[in-house]
Amino acid sequence: MAPIKFLVALSSLAIFSCSLGPTPANALSIDNHIVNRHIAHDSLVKKEKLARRCKQRSPSPTTSSSPQPASPSPSPSPSPSPTTTSNPPTSSMTNSGTKLGVAWAGPPDSLHLLAGKARVLYNWTPTPPSNAEELGFIVASMLWGPQYVDEFAAYTATHTPQYVLGPNEPNEAGQCNMTPESAIELWKNYIWPLKAKGAQLILPATSSNPNGFEWVKSFVAECPECAGDVIALHWYDVRFEDFQAYVQKWHDQFQKDVWITEYACQNFNGGAQPSDDDIWNFHVQAANWVKTVPWIQVACPFGFMTDINIQPANQLLSSDGTSLSPLGQELVNIFNS
């Protein structure tokens, strides 16, 4: 019986460790930071709720002289969401002029907390929360990956979103995991035709693993006609100066406006995690900077959910979903001031 008890105890420890998230590590330079920064999920946004499952990925290539640990991804895999019956607005912005965007994984009843205070909303699926449009949000539909083409095609057959987001973190094995060539085929078949209907197309958002930058360069080089209207990117690390430099690098390379569709203060590269004060200060600096940059259209801080899977101080909703967290309220105030 002793070996059996040992295995049960070991399994319990593994499950507990998985629930705690990544092992802390040292931040890298701007071209190497967040080599494997994400917490992968098998499913999320089922009835607009976050469903978590810890799933490790293999280390990704880096130019660093030492190997980096595997890290997980906050980006979710979508589950089908109920479709709405009305067409989303496709003319002018119906919300405030704020650049605050919402990467939403909270309960639908909590969306009213951001009505009139945020501009664009997406939830990693083709279909928005059922009350998003009536609350004034401009919905961005996402074709997360090839396994969701049927849902995407069904939704866009009767709706023309104002914005369409491409595959989610195609450079990551734990996310949609596509080559530029396979993503181009998906883009041409399902996303590009919406351009003629008036949709603006947002290029696939890769993780901030250095191979993500190269992935998008290959995508654009191999299919110049696929070039979207806007570049999207994700960023997770701890230094505000690195965040600035990373976003600037993408704008300089592609000469397009930028959507930052996920970002937070989280160390996935080794060493200590940021303190609560560090996280607060990072978000305040980032929001104030984003407001001043004309080519950043939308910024979506990661944390509009009731149970966050990175450092808890990044959370933007209260745990019961009835209010914004103190940081969430602070960001709303900054973006709308």
C-alpha atoms as a PDB file:
ATOM      1  CA  MET A   1       0.000   0.000   0.000  1.00  0.00           C
ATOM      2  CA  ALA A   2       2.891   2.367   0.630  1.00  0.00           C
ATOM      3  CA  PRO A   3       3.717   2.842  -3.076  1.00  0.00           C
ATOM      4  CA  ILE A   4       0.051   3.554  -3.835  1.00  0.00           C
ATOM      5  CA  LYS A   5      -0.151   6.162  -1.077  1.00  0.00           C
ATOM      6  CA  PHE A   6       3.047   7.734  -2.382  1.00  0.00           C
ATOM      7  CA  LEU A   7       1.646   7.990  -5.921  1.00  0.00           C
ATOM      8  CA  VAL A   8      -1.616   9.506  -4.681  1.00  0.00           C
ATOM      9  CA  ALA A   9       0.292  12.079  -2.661  1.00  0.00           C
ATOM     10  CA  LEU A  10       2.541  12.878  -5.617  1.00  0.00           C
ATOM     11  CA  SER A  11      -0.455  13.311  -7.935  1.00  0.00           C
ATOM     12  CA  SER A  12      -2.131  15.629  -5.447  1.00  0.00           C
ATOM     13  CA  LEU A  13       1.018  17.726  -5.226  1.00  0.00           C
ATOM     14  CA  ALA A  14       1.221  17.986  -9.023  1.00  0.00           C
ATOM     15  CA  ILE A  15      -2.389  19.146  -9.276  1.00  0.00           C
ATOM     16  CA  PHE A  16      -1.804  21.700  -6.533  1.00  0.00           C
ATOM     17  CA  SER A  17       1.330  22.991  -8.256  1.00  0.00           C
ATOM     18  CA  CYS A  18      -0.503  23.293 -11.556  1.00  0.00           C
ATOM     19  CA  SER A  19      -3.164  25.452  -9.953  1.00  0.00           C
ATOM     20  CA  LEU A  20      -0.561  27.847  -8.663  1.00  0.00           C
ATOM     21  CA  GLY A  21       0.667  28.766 -12.138  1.00  0.00           C
ATOM     22  CA  PRO A  22       4.207  29.134 -13.430  1.00  0.00           C
ATOM     23  CA  THR A  23       7.417  28.992 -11.476  1.00  0.00           C
ATOM     24  CA  PRO A  24       8.883  32.491 -11.184  1.00  0.00           C
ATOM     25  CA  ALA A  25      11.929  33.343 -13.328  1.00  0.00           C
ATOM     26  CA  ASN A  26      14.291  36.266 -14.516  1.00  0.00           C
ATOM     27  CA  ALA A  27      13.062  38.810 -17.067  1.00  0.00           C
ATOM     28  CA  LEU A  28      14.994  38.977 -20.337  1.00  0.00           C
ATOM     29  CA  SER A  29      15.979  41.806 -22.660  1.00  0.00           C
ATOM     30  CA  ILE A  30      13.432  43.304 -25.047  1.00  0.00           C
ATOM     31  CA  ASP A  31      14.223  40.841 -27.848  1.00  0.00           C
ATOM     32  CA  ASN A  32      14.221  37.806 -25.574  1.00  0.00           C
ATOM     33  CA  HIS A  33      11.687  38.470 -22.851  1.00  0.00           C
ATOM     34  CA  ILE A  34       8.801  36.148 -22.259  1.00  0.00           C
ATOM     35  CA  VAL A  35      10.193  33.304 -24.276  1.00  0.00           C
ATOM     36  CA  ASN A  36       7.548  30.927 -22.949  1.00  0.00           C
ATOM     37  CA  ARG A  37       5.311  33.234 -21.040  1.00  0.00           C
ATOM     38  CA  HIS A  38       1.810  31.831 -21.236  1.00  0.00           C
ATOM     39  CA  ILE A  39      -0.560  29.597 -19.258  1.00  0.00           C
ATOM     40  CA  ALA A  40      -2.233  27.305 -21.800  1.00  0.00           C
ATOM     41  CA  HIS A  41      -5.867  26.318 -21.515  1.00  0.00           C
ATOM     42  CA  ASP A  42      -7.930  23.621 -23.162  1.00  0.00           C
ATOM     43  CA  SER A  43     -11.139  25.634 -22.876  1.00  0.00           C
ATOM     44  CA  LEU A  44     -12.479  28.984 -21.784  1.00  0.00           C
ATOM     45  CA  VAL A  45     -15.306  31.416 -22.209  1.00  0.00           C
ATOM     46  CA  LYS A  46     -18.016  28.811 -21.818  1.00  0.00           C
ATOM     47  CA  LYS A  47     -21.042  30.910 -20.881  1.00  0.00           C
ATOM     48  CA  GLU A  48     -18.482  33.722 -20.580  1.00  0.00           C
ATOM     49  CA  LYS A  49     -16.760  31.938 -17.652  1.00  0.00           C
ATOM     50  CA  LEU A  50     -13.066  31.074 -17.457  1.00  0.00           C
ATOM     51  CA  ALA A  51     -12.419  27.322 -17.355  1.00  0.00           C
ATOM     52  CA  ARG A  52      -8.831  26.452 -16.489  1.00  0.00           C
ATOM     53  CA  ARG A  53      -6.609  23.499 -17.065  1.00  0.00           C
ATOM     54  CA  CYS A  54      -2.866  23.629 -16.542  1.00  0.00           C
ATOM     55  CA  LYS A  55      -0.976  22.460 -19.640  1.00  0.00           C
ATOM     56  CA  GLN A  56       2.767  22.820 -20.067  1.00  0.00           C
ATOM     57  CA  ARG A  57       4.388  23.545 -23.404  1.00  0.00           C
ATOM     58  CA  SER A  58       7.840  22.849 -24.720  1.00  0.00           C
ATOM     59  CA  PRO A  59      10.460  25.582 -24.428  1.00  0.00           C
ATOM     60  CA  SER A  60      10.507  27.895 -27.434  1.00  0.00           C
ATOM     61  CA  PRO A  61      13.611  29.068 -29.288  1.00  0.00           C
ATOM     62  CA  THR A  62      15.494  32.007 -27.814  1.00  0.00           C
ATOM     63  CA  THR A  63      18.648  33.902 -28.553  1.00  0.00           C
ATOM     64  CA  SER A  64      19.536  33.827 -24.894  1.00  0.00           C
ATOM     65  CA  SER A  65      22.684  31.929 -23.997  1.00  0.00           C
ATOM     66  CA  SER A  66      20.848  29.828 -21.406  1.00  0.00           C
ATOM     67  CA  PRO A  67      17.685  27.764 -21.881  1.00  0.00           C
ATOM     68  CA  GLN A  68      14.473  29.221 -20.529  1.00  0.00           C
ATOM     69  CA  PRO A  69      11.788  27.321 -18.614  1.00  0.00           C
ATOM     70  CA  ALA A  70       8.491  26.407 -20.195  1.00  0.00           C
ATOM     71  CA  SER A  71       5.719  28.790 -19.235  1.00  0.00           C
ATOM     72  CA  PRO A  72       1.969  28.777 -19.646  1.00  0.00           C
ATOM     73  CA  SER A  73      -0.537  31.087 -21.441  1.00  0.00           C
ATOM     74  CA  PRO A  74      -3.405  33.182 -20.186  1.00  0.00           C
ATOM     75  CA  SER A  75      -4.858  33.142 -23.703  1.00  0.00           C
ATOM     76  CA  PRO A  76      -7.907  30.889 -23.699  1.00  0.00           C
ATOM     77  CA  SER A  77      -9.236  28.395 -26.169  1.00  0.00           C
ATOM     78  CA  PRO A  78     -12.819  29.404 -26.848  1.00  0.00           C
ATOM     79  CA  SER A  79     -15.950  27.389 -26.289  1.00  0.00           C
ATOM     80  CA  PRO A  80     -18.996  28.144 -28.415  1.00  0.00           C
ATOM     81  CA  SER A  81     -20.997  31.155 -27.222  1.00  0.00           C
ATOM     82  CA  PRO A  82     -24.632  31.916 -27.931  1.00  0.00           C
ATOM     83  CA  THR A  83     -25.091  34.058 -31.021  1.00  0.00           C
ATOM     84  CA  THR A  84     -26.947  37.334 -30.924  1.00  0.00           C
ATOM     85  CA  THR A  85     -29.763  38.160 -33.260  1.00  0.00           C
ATOM     86  CA  SER A  86     -28.853  41.711 -34.216  1.00  0.00           C
ATOM     87  CA  ASN A  87     -26.020  42.928 -36.405  1.00  0.00           C
ATOM     88  CA  PRO A  88     -23.146  44.677 -34.629  1.00  0.00           C
ATOM     89  CA  PRO A  89     -22.579  48.359 -35.372  1.00  0.00           C
ATOM     90  CA  THR A  90     -20.379  48.793 -38.433  1.00  0.00           C
ATOM     91  CA  SER A  91     -20.341  52.549 -38.938  1.00  0.00           C
ATOM     92  CA  SER A  92     -18.900  54.931 -36.379  1.00  0.00           C
ATOM     93  CA  MET A  93     -17.827  54.268 -32.813  1.00  0.00           C
ATOM     94  CA  THR A  94     -20.872  54.151 -30.557  1.00  0.00           C
ATOM     95  CA  ASN A  95     -18.902  54.268 -27.320  1.00  0.00           C
ATOM     96  CA  SER A  96     -16.570  56.778 -25.734  1.00  0.00           C
ATOM     97  CA  GLY A  97     -13.288  57.720 -27.384  1.00  0.00           C
ATOM     98  CA  THR A  98     -11.316  55.757 -24.808  1.00  0.00           C
ATOM     99  CA  LYS A  99      -8.625  53.350 -25.951  1.00  0.00           C
ATOM    100  CA  LEU A 100      -9.556  50.909 -23.205  1.00  0.00           C
ATOM    101  CA  GLY A 101     -10.446  47.559 -24.739  1.00  0.00           C
ATOM    102  CA  VAL A 102     -11.952  44.587 -22.961  1.00  0.00           C
ATOM    103  CA  ALA A 103     -10.627  41.039 -23.262  1.00  0.00           C
ATOM    104  CA  TRP A 104     -13.684  39.640 -21.514  1.00  0.00           C
ATOM    105  CA  ALA A 105     -13.984  36.409 -19.546  1.00  0.00           C
ATOM    106  CA  GLY A 106     -16.283  37.590 -16.791  1.00  0.00           C
ATOM    107  CA  PRO A 107     -19.974  36.866 -16.241  1.00  0.00           C
ATOM    108  CA  PRO A 108     -22.322  38.631 -18.705  1.00  0.00           C
ATOM    109  CA  ASP A 109     -24.188  40.365 -15.893  1.00  0.00           C
ATOM    110  CA  SER A 110     -20.981  42.218 -14.972  1.00  0.00           C
ATOM    111  CA  LEU A 111     -20.519  43.868 -18.375  1.00  0.00           C
ATOM    112  CA  HIS A 112     -22.592  46.868 -17.322  1.00  0.00           C
ATOM    113  CA  LEU A 113     -19.657  47.885 -15.084  1.00  0.00           C
ATOM    114  CA  LEU A 114     -17.763  48.911 -18.228  1.00  0.00           C
ATOM    115  CA  ALA A 115     -20.614  50.264 -20.333  1.00  0.00           C
ATOM    116  CA  GLY A 116     -19.642  53.665 -21.724  1.00  0.00           C
ATOM    117  CA  LYS A 117     -16.142  53.303 -20.242  1.00  0.00           C
ATOM    118  CA  ALA A 118     -14.500  50.919 -22.711  1.00  0.00           C
ATOM    119  CA  ARG A 119     -14.495  50.854 -26.483  1.00  0.00           C
ATOM    120  CA  VAL A 120     -13.958  47.440 -28.087  1.00  0.00           C
ATOM    121  CA  LEU A 121     -14.769  44.050 -26.577  1.00  0.00           C
ATOM    122  CA  TYR A 122     -13.709  40.561 -27.595  1.00  0.00           C
ATOM    123  CA  ASN A 123     -13.975  37.216 -25.816  1.00  0.00           C
ATOM    124  CA  TRP A 124     -11.764  34.887 -27.903  1.00  0.00           C
ATOM    125  CA  THR A 125     -14.792  33.599 -29.863  1.00  0.00           C
ATOM    126  CA  PRO A 126     -16.683  34.640 -33.011  1.00  0.00           C
ATOM    127  CA  THR A 127     -19.783  35.513 -30.984  1.00  0.00           C
ATOM    128  CA  PRO A 128     -20.007  38.261 -28.360  1.00  0.00           C
ATOM    129  CA  PRO A 129     -21.674  38.070 -24.960  1.00  0.00           C
ATOM    130  CA  SER A 130     -25.402  38.341 -25.567  1.00  0.00           C
ATOM    131  CA  ASN A 131     -25.695  41.792 -23.967  1.00  0.00           C
ATOM    132  CA  ALA A 132     -22.499  43.368 -25.355  1.00  0.00           C
ATOM    133  CA  GLU A 133     -24.067  45.310 -28.195  1.00  0.00           C
ATOM    134  CA  GLU A 134     -27.029  46.659 -26.213  1.00  0.00           C
ATOM    135  CA  LEU A 135     -24.501  47.994 -23.687  1.00  0.00           C
ATOM    136  CA  GLY A 136     -22.749  49.882 -26.489  1.00  0.00           C
ATOM    137  CA  PHE A 137     -19.602  47.801 -26.977  1.00  0.00           C
ATOM    138  CA  ILE A 138     -18.085  47.467 -30.409  1.00  0.00           C
ATOM    139  CA  VAL A 139     -17.567  43.751 -30.856  1.00  0.00           C
ATOM    140  CA  ALA A 140     -14.450  42.228 -32.375  1.00  0.00           C
ATOM    141  CA  SER A 141     -15.033  38.654 -33.487  1.00  0.00           C
ATOM    142  CA  MET A 142     -12.146  36.193 -33.373  1.00  0.00           C
ATOM    143  CA  LEU A 143     -11.425  33.137 -35.488  1.00  0.00           C
ATOM    144  CA  TRP A 144      -9.324  31.513 -32.746  1.00  0.00           C
ATOM    145  CA  GLY A 145      -8.078  28.618 -34.881  1.00  0.00           C
ATOM    146  CA  PRO A 146      -9.090  26.036 -37.486  1.00  0.00           C
ATOM    147  CA  GLN A 147     -11.278  24.054 -35.085  1.00  0.00           C
ATOM    148  CA  TYR A 148     -13.665  27.034 -34.877  1.00  0.00           C
ATOM    149  CA  VAL A 149     -14.213  27.743 -38.573  1.00  0.00           C
ATOM    150  CA  ASP A 150     -17.765  26.362 -38.567  1.00  0.00           C
ATOM    151  CA  GLU A 151     -18.840  28.606 -35.693  1.00  0.00           C
ATOM    152  CA  PHE A 152     -17.084  31.584 -37.265  1.00  0.00           C
ATOM    153  CA  ALA A 153     -18.620  30.958 -40.692  1.00  0.00           C
ATOM    154  CA  ALA A 154     -22.102  30.560 -39.203  1.00  0.00           C
ATOM    155  CA  TYR A 155     -21.828  33.802 -37.255  1.00  0.00           C
ATOM    156  CA  THR A 156     -20.372  35.898 -40.074  1.00  0.00           C
ATOM    157  CA  ALA A 157     -22.972  34.581 -42.520  1.00  0.00           C
ATOM    158  CA  THR A 158     -25.546  36.708 -40.674  1.00  0.00           C
ATOM    159  CA  HIS A 159     -23.338  39.325 -38.975  1.00  0.00           C
ATOM    160  CA  THR A 160     -20.610  41.602 -40.259  1.00  0.00           C
ATOM    161  CA  PRO A 161     -18.387  42.509 -37.320  1.00  0.00           C
ATOM    162  CA  GLN A 162     -16.716  45.879 -37.446  1.00  0.00           C
ATOM    163  CA  TYR A 163     -13.446  44.191 -36.476  1.00  0.00           C
ATOM    164  CA  VAL A 164     -12.177  40.649 -36.981  1.00  0.00           C
ATOM    165  CA  LEU A 165      -9.260  39.196 -35.026  1.00  0.00           C
ATOM    166  CA  GLY A 166      -7.075  36.511 -36.566  1.00  0.00           C
ATOM    167  CA  PRO A 167      -5.872  33.235 -35.001  1.00  0.00           C
ATOM    168  CA  ASN A 168      -4.758  33.432 -31.374  1.00  0.00           C
ATOM    169  CA  GLU A 169      -1.026  32.993 -30.653  1.00  0.00           C
ATOM    170  CA  PRO A 170      -0.361  30.774 -33.695  1.00  0.00           C
ATOM    171  CA  ASN A 171       3.329  30.609 -32.713  1.00  0.00           C
ATOM    172  CA  GLU A 172       2.496  28.673 -29.527  1.00  0.00           C
ATOM    173  CA  ALA A 173       1.947  24.910 -29.329  1.00  0.00           C
ATOM    174  CA  GLY A 174      -0.434  25.440 -26.400  1.00  0.00           C
ATOM    175  CA  GLN A 175      -2.589  27.870 -28.369  1.00  0.00           C
ATOM    176  CA  CYS A 176      -3.819  27.645 -31.991  1.00  0.00           C
ATOM    177  CA  ASN A 177      -0.384  26.390 -33.168  1.00  0.00           C
ATOM    178  CA  MET A 178      -0.364  27.174 -36.899  1.00  0.00           C
ATOM    179  CA  THR A 179       2.341  27.785 -39.467  1.00  0.00           C
ATOM    180  CA  PRO A 180       2.141  31.062 -41.403  1.00  0.00           C
ATOM    181  CA  GLU A 181       1.194  29.009 -44.486  1.00  0.00           C
ATOM    182  CA  SER A 182      -1.766  27.290 -42.798  1.00  0.00           C
ATOM    183  CA  ALA A 183      -2.879  30.585 -41.240  1.00  0.00           C
ATOM    184  CA  ILE A 184      -2.781  32.262 -44.658  1.00  0.00           C
ATOM    185  CA  GLU A 185      -5.120  29.594 -46.034  1.00  0.00           C
ATOM    186  CA  LEU A 186      -7.489  30.109 -43.102  1.00  0.00           C
ATOM    187  CA  TRP A 187      -7.290  33.882 -43.537  1.00  0.00           C
ATOM    188  CA  LYS A 188      -8.059  33.783 -47.261  1.00  0.00           C
ATOM    189  CA  ASN A 189     -10.986  31.394 -46.868  1.00  0.00           C
ATOM    190  CA  TYR A 190     -12.764  32.859 -43.861  1.00  0.00           C
ATOM    191  CA  ILE A 191     -11.438  36.287 -42.834  1.00  0.00           C
ATOM    192  CA  TRP A 192     -10.405  38.095 -46.004  1.00  0.00           C
ATOM    193  CA  PRO A 193     -13.905  37.929 -47.626  1.00  0.00           C
ATOM    194  CA  LEU A 194     -15.263  40.047 -44.744  1.00  0.00           C
ATOM    195  CA  LYS A 195     -13.073  42.951 -45.875  1.00  0.00           C
ATOM    196  CA  ALA A 196     -15.377  43.536 -48.852  1.00  0.00           C
ATOM    197  CA  LYS A 197     -18.291  43.733 -46.409  1.00  0.00           C
ATOM    198  CA  GLY A 198     -16.670  46.543 -44.445  1.00  0.00           C
ATOM    199  CA  ALA A 199     -14.897  44.679 -41.643  1.00  0.00           C
ATOM    200  CA  GLN A 200     -11.474  45.843 -40.500  1.00  0.00           C
ATOM    201  CA  LEU A 201      -9.030  42.956 -40.199  1.00  0.00           C
ATOM    202  CA  ILE A 202      -6.645  42.599 -37.252  1.00  0.00           C
ATOM    203  CA  LEU A 203      -3.579  40.468 -37.949  1.00  0.00           C
ATOM    204  CA  PRO A 204      -3.017  37.382 -35.775  1.00  0.00           C
ATOM    205  CA  ALA A 205      -1.742  38.221 -32.286  1.00  0.00           C
ATOM    206  CA  THR A 206       1.289  36.155 -31.349  1.00  0.00           C
ATOM    207  CA  SER A 207       2.751  35.721 -27.902  1.00  0.00           C
ATOM    208  CA  SER A 208       5.775  37.839 -27.066  1.00  0.00           C
ATOM    209  CA  ASN A 209       8.044  34.880 -27.557  1.00  0.00           C
ATOM    210  CA  PRO A 210      10.652  36.202 -30.058  1.00  0.00           C
ATOM    211  CA  ASN A 211       9.429  33.685 -32.625  1.00  0.00           C
ATOM    212  CA  GLY A 212       6.087  35.525 -32.679  1.00  0.00           C
ATOM    213  CA  PHE A 213       7.628  38.574 -34.318  1.00  0.00           C
ATOM    214  CA  GLU A 214       9.236  36.344 -36.953  1.00  0.00           C
ATOM    215  CA  TRP A 215       5.946  34.486 -37.452  1.00  0.00           C
ATOM    216  CA  VAL A 216       4.081  37.683 -38.364  1.00  0.00           C
ATOM    217  CA  LYS A 217       6.926  38.845 -40.615  1.00  0.00           C
ATOM    218  CA  SER A 218       6.643  35.544 -42.512  1.00  0.00           C
ATOM    219  CA  PHE A 219       2.851  35.778 -42.684  1.00  0.00           C
ATOM    220  CA  VAL A 220       2.988  39.245 -44.238  1.00  0.00           C
ATOM    221  CA  ALA A 221       5.937  38.437 -46.539  1.00  0.00           C
ATOM    222  CA  GLU A 222       4.325  35.271 -47.900  1.00  0.00           C
ATOM    223  CA  CYS A 223       0.942  36.914 -48.440  1.00  0.00           C
ATOM    224  CA  PRO A 224       1.237  40.692 -48.886  1.00  0.00           C
ATOM    225  CA  GLU A 225      -2.409  40.815 -49.932  1.00  0.00           C
ATOM    226  CA  CYS A 226      -3.306  39.308 -46.527  1.00  0.00           C
ATOM    227  CA  ALA A 227      -1.914  42.314 -44.672  1.00  0.00           C
ATOM    228  CA  GLY A 228      -4.532  43.427 -42.216  1.00  0.00           C
ATOM    229  CA  ASP A 229      -5.568  46.930 -41.300  1.00  0.00           C
ATOM    230  CA  VAL A 230      -4.039  46.723 -37.818  1.00  0.00           C
ATOM    231  CA  ILE A 231      -1.289  44.798 -35.993  1.00  0.00           C
ATOM    232  CA  ALA A 232      -2.220  42.949 -32.796  1.00  0.00           C
ATOM    233  CA  LEU A 233       0.199  41.803 -30.104  1.00  0.00           C
ATOM    234  CA  HIS A 234       0.400  40.298 -26.613  1.00  0.00           C
ATOM    235  CA  TRP A 235       2.889  41.196 -23.880  1.00  0.00           C
ATOM    236  CA  TYR A 236       3.642  39.779 -20.419  1.00  0.00           C
ATOM    237  CA  ASP A 237       6.623  40.901 -18.373  1.00  0.00           C
ATOM    238  CA  VAL A 238       7.449  43.290 -15.548  1.00  0.00           C
ATOM    239  CA  ARG A 239       9.240  46.426 -16.811  1.00  0.00           C
ATOM    240  CA  PHE A 240       7.245  49.300 -18.267  1.00  0.00           C
ATOM    241  CA  GLU A 241      10.261  50.373 -20.368  1.00  0.00           C
ATOM    242  CA  ASP A 242      10.341  46.918 -22.006  1.00  0.00           C
ATOM    243  CA  PHE A 243       6.612  47.167 -22.736  1.00  0.00           C
ATOM    244  CA  GLN A 244       7.163  50.512 -24.476  1.00  0.00           C
ATOM    245  CA  ALA A 245      10.086  49.212 -26.504  1.00  0.00           C
ATOM    246  CA  TYR A 246       8.271  46.055 -27.555  1.00  0.00           C
ATOM    247  CA  VAL A 247       5.165  47.844 -28.783  1.00  0.00           C
ATOM    248  CA  GLN A 248       7.316  50.442 -30.583  1.00  0.00           C
ATOM    249  CA  LYS A 249       9.285  47.667 -32.302  1.00  0.00           C
ATOM    250  CA  TRP A 250       6.129  46.231 -33.868  1.00  0.00           C
ATOM    251  CA  HIS A 251       4.912  49.593 -35.059  1.00  0.00           C
ATOM    252  CA  ASP A 252       8.295  50.418 -36.570  1.00  0.00           C
ATOM    253  CA  GLN A 253       8.479  47.082 -38.400  1.00  0.00           C
ATOM    254  CA  PHE A 254       4.982  46.945 -39.862  1.00  0.00           C
ATOM    255  CA  GLN A 255       4.055  50.656 -40.011  1.00  0.00           C
ATOM    256  CA  LYS A 256       0.499  49.968 -38.937  1.00  0.00           C
ATOM    257  CA  ASP A 257      -1.656  51.003 -36.022  1.00  0.00           C
ATOM    258  CA  VAL A 258      -1.556  48.627 -33.054  1.00  0.00           C
ATOM    259  CA  TRP A 259      -4.000  46.765 -30.861  1.00  0.00           C
ATOM    260  CA  ILE A 260      -2.526  45.375 -27.640  1.00  0.00           C
ATOM    261  CA  THR A 261      -5.041  42.590 -27.115  1.00  0.00           C
ATOM    262  CA  GLU A 262      -3.445  41.076 -23.988  1.00  0.00           C
ATOM    263  CA  TYR A 263      -0.966  42.547 -21.545  1.00  0.00           C
ATOM    264  CA  ALA A 264      -0.210  42.274 -17.842  1.00  0.00           C
ATOM    265  CA  CYS A 265       2.606  42.539 -15.312  1.00  0.00           C
ATOM    266  CA  GLN A 266       3.753  38.942 -14.871  1.00  0.00           C
ATOM    267  CA  ASN A 267       7.193  37.307 -14.873  1.00  0.00           C
ATOM    268  CA  PHE A 268       7.371  34.144 -16.976  1.00  0.00           C
ATOM    269  CA  ASN A 269      11.152  34.166 -17.396  1.00  0.00           C
ATOM    270  CA  GLY A 270      12.611  33.308 -14.001  1.00  0.00           C
ATOM    271  CA  GLY A 271      13.274  35.178 -10.784  1.00  0.00           C
ATOM    272  CA  ALA A 272      10.930  36.954  -8.434  1.00  0.00           C
ATOM    273  CA  GLN A 273       7.401  37.897  -9.352  1.00  0.00           C
ATOM    274  CA  PRO A 274       6.495  41.604  -9.196  1.00  0.00           C
ATOM    275  CA  SER A 275       5.036  42.929  -5.974  1.00  0.00           C
ATOM    276  CA  ASP A 276       1.481  44.253  -5.820  1.00  0.00           C
ATOM    277  CA  ASP A 277       2.911  47.786  -5.887  1.00  0.00           C
ATOM    278  CA  ASP A 278       5.013  46.912  -8.952  1.00  0.00           C
ATOM    279  CA  ILE A 279       1.917  45.627 -10.739  1.00  0.00           C
ATOM    280  CA  TRP A 280      -0.119  48.713  -9.862  1.00  0.00           C
ATOM    281  CA  ASN A 281       2.655  51.079 -10.962  1.00  0.00           C
ATOM    282  CA  PHE A 282       3.194  49.203 -14.228  1.00  0.00           C
ATOM    283  CA  HIS A 283      -0.472  49.392 -15.187  1.00  0.00           C
ATOM    284  CA  VAL A 284      -0.742  53.076 -14.306  1.00  0.00           C
ATOM    285  CA  GLN A 285       2.365  53.905 -16.368  1.00  0.00           C
ATOM    286  CA  ALA A 286       1.205  51.762 -19.285  1.00  0.00           C
ATOM    287  CA  ALA A 287      -2.296  53.282 -19.385  1.00  0.00           C
ATOM    288  CA  ASN A 288      -0.973  56.835 -19.236  1.00  0.00           C
ATOM    289  CA  TRP A 289       1.517  56.092 -22.016  1.00  0.00           C
ATOM    290  CA  VAL A 290      -0.990  54.332 -24.287  1.00  0.00           C
ATOM    291  CA  LYS A 291      -3.251  57.391 -24.102  1.00  0.00           C
ATOM    292  CA  THR A 292      -0.515  59.559 -25.637  1.00  0.00           C
ATOM    293  CA  VAL A 293       0.458  57.304 -28.568  1.00  0.00           C
ATOM    294  CA  PRO A 294      -1.621  58.104 -31.649  1.00  0.00           C
ATOM    295  CA  TRP A 295      -0.965  54.794 -33.423  1.00  0.00           C
ATOM    296  CA  ILE A 296      -2.161  52.626 -30.512  1.00  0.00           C
ATOM    297  CA  GLN A 297      -5.881  52.256 -31.141  1.00  0.00           C
ATOM    298  CA  VAL A 298      -6.879  49.791 -28.431  1.00  0.00           C
ATOM    299  CA  ALA A 299      -5.251  48.338 -25.295  1.00  0.00           C
ATOM    300  CA  CYS A 300      -6.790  45.370 -23.461  1.00  0.00           C
ATOM    301  CA  PRO A 301      -5.266  44.757 -20.025  1.00  0.00           C
ATOM    302  CA  PHE A 302      -5.620  41.089 -19.082  1.00  0.00           C
ATOM    303  CA  GLY A 303      -7.776  40.626 -16.012  1.00  0.00           C
ATOM    304  CA  PHE A 304     -11.463  41.312 -16.720  1.00  0.00           C
ATOM    305  CA  MET A 305     -12.501  38.050 -15.078  1.00  0.00           C
ATOM    306  CA  THR A 306     -13.524  36.892 -11.625  1.00  0.00           C
ATOM    307  CA  ASP A 307     -10.705  34.373 -11.175  1.00  0.00           C
ATOM    308  CA  ILE A 308      -7.428  35.386 -12.794  1.00  0.00           C
ATOM    309  CA  ASN A 309      -4.741  32.829 -13.636  1.00  0.00           C
ATOM    310  CA  ILE A 310      -1.701  35.104 -13.297  1.00  0.00           C
ATOM    311  CA  GLN A 311      -0.507  37.326 -10.430  1.00  0.00           C
ATOM    312  CA  PRO A 312      -3.733  38.205  -8.569  1.00  0.00           C
ATOM    313  CA  ALA A 313      -2.918  41.919  -8.366  1.00  0.00           C
ATOM    314  CA  ASN A 314      -3.565  42.132 -12.146  1.00  0.00           C
ATOM    315  CA  GLN A 315      -7.238  41.280 -11.585  1.00  0.00           C
ATOM    316  CA  LEU A 316      -9.632  43.951 -12.854  1.00  0.00           C
ATOM    317  CA  LEU A 317     -12.938  42.547 -11.572  1.00  0.00           C
ATOM    318  CA  SER A 318     -13.869  41.642  -8.026  1.00  0.00           C
ATOM    319  CA  SER A 319     -13.924  37.909  -7.328  1.00  0.00           C
ATOM    320  CA  ASP A 320     -17.748  37.901  -7.242  1.00  0.00           C
ATOM    321  CA  GLY A 321     -18.057  40.003 -10.409  1.00  0.00           C
ATOM    322  CA  THR A 322     -20.192  42.678  -8.771  1.00  0.00           C
ATOM    323  CA  SER A 323     -17.665  45.507  -9.076  1.00  0.00           C
ATOM    324  CA  LEU A 324     -14.395  46.528 -10.641  1.00  0.00           C
ATOM    325  CA  SER A 325     -11.314  45.831  -8.581  1.00  0.00           C
ATOM    326  CA  PRO A 326      -9.400  48.887  -7.313  1.00  0.00           C
ATOM    327  CA  LEU A 327      -6.972  48.488 -10.233  1.00  0.00           C
ATOM    328  CA  GLY A 328      -9.826  48.044 -12.689  1.00  0.00           C
ATOM    329  CA  GLN A 329     -11.427  51.260 -11.477  1.00  0.00           C
ATOM    330  CA  GLU A 330      -8.097  53.091 -11.633  1.00  0.00           C
ATOM    331  CA  LEU A 331      -7.550  52.025 -15.250  1.00  0.00           C
ATOM    332  CA  VAL A 332     -11.081  53.032 -16.209  1.00  0.00           C
ATOM    333  CA  ASN A 333     -10.415  56.456 -14.655  1.00  0.00           C
ATOM    334  CA  ILE A 334      -7.087  56.883 -16.457  1.00  0.00           C
ATOM    335  CA  PHE A 335      -8.321  55.774 -19.886  1.00  0.00           C
ATOM    336  CA  ASN A 336     -11.376  58.011 -19.624  1.00  0.00           C
ATOM    337  CA  SER A 337      -9.706  61.118 -18.225  1.00  0.00           C
END
